[in-house]
């Protein structure tokens, strides 16, 4: 059923848009579109953002691998490298440091009417994307450093995916328990 979706690009776009709207709505309802919440996360005094994001990681990871186990989906990982990770992290970090939003929380903040997210965030994403697109040809040597290709973590370690997924989910759940027990 879901394998057929891979060949239908228009349906994929509509499905992606709907999932994005739902994700943005849930982010906004979770409060992560509020600057004070994000600032609290950066100051390690409010862990709302990390709780929501790690909940999404656990849900998504379990969901994808359960669907894969039943043969309903195939993974199509994007190629990666250490260079891509470092450059992407620096760009993400600079945007986060300047405005206090990440791309997901910008959409939630725009949805609740925050003009700083609209003008600073959305326009910043467009300008930053344009600058990156312009510099992309010149960054190829850096982006290819530490190339590991189209591979998942379980494939990299040549292990059954559940040997990565289940322990990681357990670690995240224990982390939730720990931060709740210390009152964060």
Protein backbone atom coordinates (compact mmCIF):
# COMPACT_ATOMS: atom_id res chain seq x y z
CA UNK A 1 0.00 0.00 0.00
CA UNK A 2 2.54 2.62 1.10
CA UNK A 3 5.11 1.40 -1.47
CA UNK A 4 2.80 2.64 -4.23
CA UNK A 5 2.95 6.13 -2.75
CA UNK A 6 6.65 6.35 -3.66
CA UNK A 7 5.87 6.61 -7.38
CA UNK A 8 3.06 9.18 -6.99
CA UNK A 9 4.85 12.49 -6.52
CA UNK A 10 1.75 14.71 -6.43
CA UNK A 11 0.16 12.62 -3.66
CA UNK A 12 3.50 12.67 -1.79
CA UNK A 13 3.51 16.48 -1.90
CA UNK A 14 -0.06 16.72 -0.64
CA UNK A 15 0.62 14.14 2.08
CA UNK A 16 3.82 16.00 3.06
CA UNK A 17 1.95 19.31 3.24
CA UNK A 18 -0.76 17.80 5.43
CA UNK A 19 1.80 16.18 7.75
CA UNK A 20 3.69 19.49 7.92
CA UNK A 21 0.52 21.35 8.91
CA UNK A 22 -0.23 18.74 11.59
CA UNK A 23 3.37 18.86 12.85
CA UNK A 24 3.31 22.67 13.00
CA UNK A 25 -0.05 22.60 14.80
CA UNK A 26 1.30 20.13 17.38
CA UNK A 27 4.47 22.21 17.84
CA UNK A 28 2.38 25.30 18.42
CA UNK A 29 0.07 23.49 20.85
CA UNK A 30 3.15 22.18 22.67
CA UNK A 31 4.31 25.75 23.19
CA UNK A 32 7.58 25.55 21.27
CA UNK A 33 6.66 28.53 19.11
CA UNK A 34 7.12 30.77 22.17
CA UNK A 35 10.44 32.54 22.43
CA UNK A 36 10.54 32.16 26.23
CA UNK A 37 10.22 28.37 25.92
CA UNK A 38 13.03 28.21 23.37
CA UNK A 39 15.21 30.52 25.44
CA UNK A 40 14.55 28.32 28.48
CA UNK A 41 15.73 25.31 26.46
CA UNK A 42 18.93 27.08 25.48
CA UNK A 43 19.50 28.09 29.12
CA UNK A 44 18.72 24.50 30.25
CA UNK A 45 15.86 25.66 32.47
CA UNK A 46 12.89 24.46 30.35
CA UNK A 47 13.04 21.15 28.51
CA UNK A 48 9.72 21.44 26.65
CA UNK A 49 11.41 21.59 23.24
CA UNK A 50 13.60 18.55 23.75
CA UNK A 51 10.69 16.58 25.22
CA UNK A 52 8.56 17.27 22.15
CA UNK A 53 11.36 16.62 19.67
CA UNK A 54 12.52 13.39 21.34
CA UNK A 55 8.89 12.22 21.58
CA UNK A 56 8.67 12.72 17.82
CA UNK A 57 11.94 10.82 17.34
CA UNK A 58 10.72 7.83 19.37
CA UNK A 59 7.31 7.81 17.67
CA UNK A 60 8.77 8.19 14.19
CA UNK A 61 11.56 5.67 14.71
CA UNK A 62 9.23 3.00 16.08
CA UNK A 63 6.59 3.74 13.44
CA UNK A 64 8.98 3.59 10.50
CA UNK A 65 10.67 0.39 11.61
CA UNK A 66 7.36 -1.33 12.43
CA UNK A 67 6.07 -0.41 8.95
CA UNK A 68 9.36 -1.64 7.47
CA UNK A 69 9.11 -4.90 9.43
CA UNK A 70 5.73 -5.59 7.81
CA UNK A 71 7.06 -4.69 4.36
CA UNK A 72 4.84 -1.64 4.04
CA UNK A 73 7.67 0.85 3.46
CA UNK A 74 11.23 0.96 2.21
CA UNK A 75 13.82 3.34 3.58
CA UNK A 76 15.47 5.74 1.17
CA UNK A 77 18.14 7.46 3.28
CA UNK A 78 19.73 10.57 1.86
CA UNK A 79 23.50 10.46 1.41
CA UNK A 80 25.54 12.11 4.10
CA UNK A 81 29.01 13.02 5.28
CA UNK A 82 30.78 14.56 8.23
CA UNK A 83 31.30 17.72 6.14
CA UNK A 84 27.57 18.03 5.39
CA UNK A 85 26.76 17.53 9.06
CA UNK A 86 29.25 20.17 10.22
CA UNK A 87 28.21 22.76 7.62
CA UNK A 88 24.49 22.09 8.24
CA UNK A 89 25.03 22.28 12.01
CA UNK A 90 26.85 25.59 11.72
CA UNK A 91 24.14 27.11 9.53
CA UNK A 92 21.39 25.77 11.81
CA UNK A 93 23.25 26.97 14.92
CA UNK A 94 23.83 30.48 13.54
CA UNK A 95 20.16 30.87 12.65
CA UNK A 96 19.10 29.53 16.03
CA UNK A 97 21.53 31.83 17.86
CA UNK A 98 20.49 34.94 15.93
CA UNK A 99 16.72 34.50 16.08
CA UNK A 100 16.03 31.86 18.72
CA UNK A 101 13.98 29.62 16.43
CA UNK A 102 14.71 26.50 14.41
CA UNK A 103 12.84 25.87 11.12
CA UNK A 104 10.13 23.81 12.87
CA UNK A 105 9.54 26.27 15.65
CA UNK A 106 9.54 29.15 13.15
CA UNK A 107 6.53 27.58 11.43
CA UNK A 108 4.76 27.17 14.77
CA UNK A 109 5.56 30.77 15.74
CA UNK A 110 4.36 32.09 12.37
CA UNK A 111 1.16 30.07 12.82
CA UNK A 112 0.49 31.83 16.12
CA UNK A 113 1.19 35.25 14.61
CA UNK A 114 4.74 36.06 15.78
CA UNK A 115 6.00 38.72 13.38
CA UNK A 116 9.64 38.16 14.38
CA UNK A 117 9.33 34.59 13.13
CA UNK A 118 7.64 35.71 9.92
CA UNK A 119 10.01 38.51 9.00
CA UNK A 120 13.20 37.35 10.67
CA UNK A 121 12.71 33.61 10.44
CA UNK A 122 10.91 32.94 7.19
CA UNK A 123 12.77 35.62 5.27
CA UNK A 124 15.99 34.46 6.95
CA UNK A 125 15.36 30.90 5.73
CA UNK A 126 14.78 32.17 2.18
CA UNK A 127 17.87 34.41 2.20
CA UNK A 128 20.01 31.73 3.88
CA UNK A 129 18.85 29.11 1.37
CA UNK A 130 19.72 31.46 -1.48
CA UNK A 131 23.18 32.14 -0.07
CA UNK A 132 23.79 28.42 0.45
CA UNK A 133 22.60 27.64 -3.11
CA UNK A 134 25.00 30.29 -4.45
CA UNK A 135 27.93 28.93 -2.40
CA UNK A 136 27.07 25.25 -2.95
CA UNK A 137 29.40 24.68 -5.93
CA UNK A 138 32.31 26.14 -3.94
CA UNK A 139 31.55 23.99 -0.87
CA UNK A 140 31.75 20.61 -2.63
CA UNK A 141 35.19 19.71 -1.29
CA UNK A 142 34.08 20.45 2.29
CA UNK A 143 30.69 18.76 1.93
CA UNK A 144 32.26 15.51 0.64
CA UNK A 145 34.65 15.14 3.62
CA UNK A 146 33.96 11.98 5.63
CA UNK A 147 31.47 10.66 3.05
CA UNK A 148 29.37 7.76 4.33
CA UNK A 149 26.73 7.68 1.61
CA UNK A 150 23.15 6.43 1.71
CA UNK A 151 23.23 4.33 4.85
CA UNK A 152 21.35 4.06 8.11
CA UNK A 153 23.04 3.61 11.50
CA UNK A 154 22.02 -0.08 11.75
CA UNK A 155 23.35 -0.68 8.22
CA UNK A 156 26.61 1.07 9.12
CA UNK A 157 27.11 -1.23 12.10
CA UNK A 158 25.74 -4.24 10.15
CA UNK A 159 23.22 -5.13 12.86
CA UNK A 160 19.50 -5.80 13.05
CA UNK A 161 17.77 -2.38 13.18
CA UNK A 162 15.98 -3.30 16.43
CA UNK A 163 19.38 -3.56 18.15
CA UNK A 164 19.69 0.20 17.57
CA UNK A 165 16.04 1.31 17.71
CA UNK A 166 14.97 -0.33 20.98
CA UNK A 167 18.02 0.66 23.09
CA UNK A 168 17.83 4.23 21.72
CA UNK A 169 14.12 4.42 22.59
CA UNK A 170 14.90 3.10 26.07
CA UNK A 171 17.66 5.69 26.55
CA UNK A 172 15.28 8.48 25.48
CA UNK A 173 12.53 7.24 27.82
CA UNK A 174 15.02 7.02 30.71
CA UNK A 175 16.15 10.56 29.88
CA UNK A 176 12.50 11.70 30.07
CA UNK A 177 12.14 10.01 33.43
CA UNK A 178 15.35 11.64 34.69
CA UNK A 179 14.45 15.20 33.65
CA UNK A 180 10.96 14.79 35.12
CA UNK A 181 12.38 13.43 38.39
CA UNK A 182 14.65 16.46 38.83
CA UNK A 183 11.79 18.83 38.03
CA UNK A 184 12.76 20.10 34.59
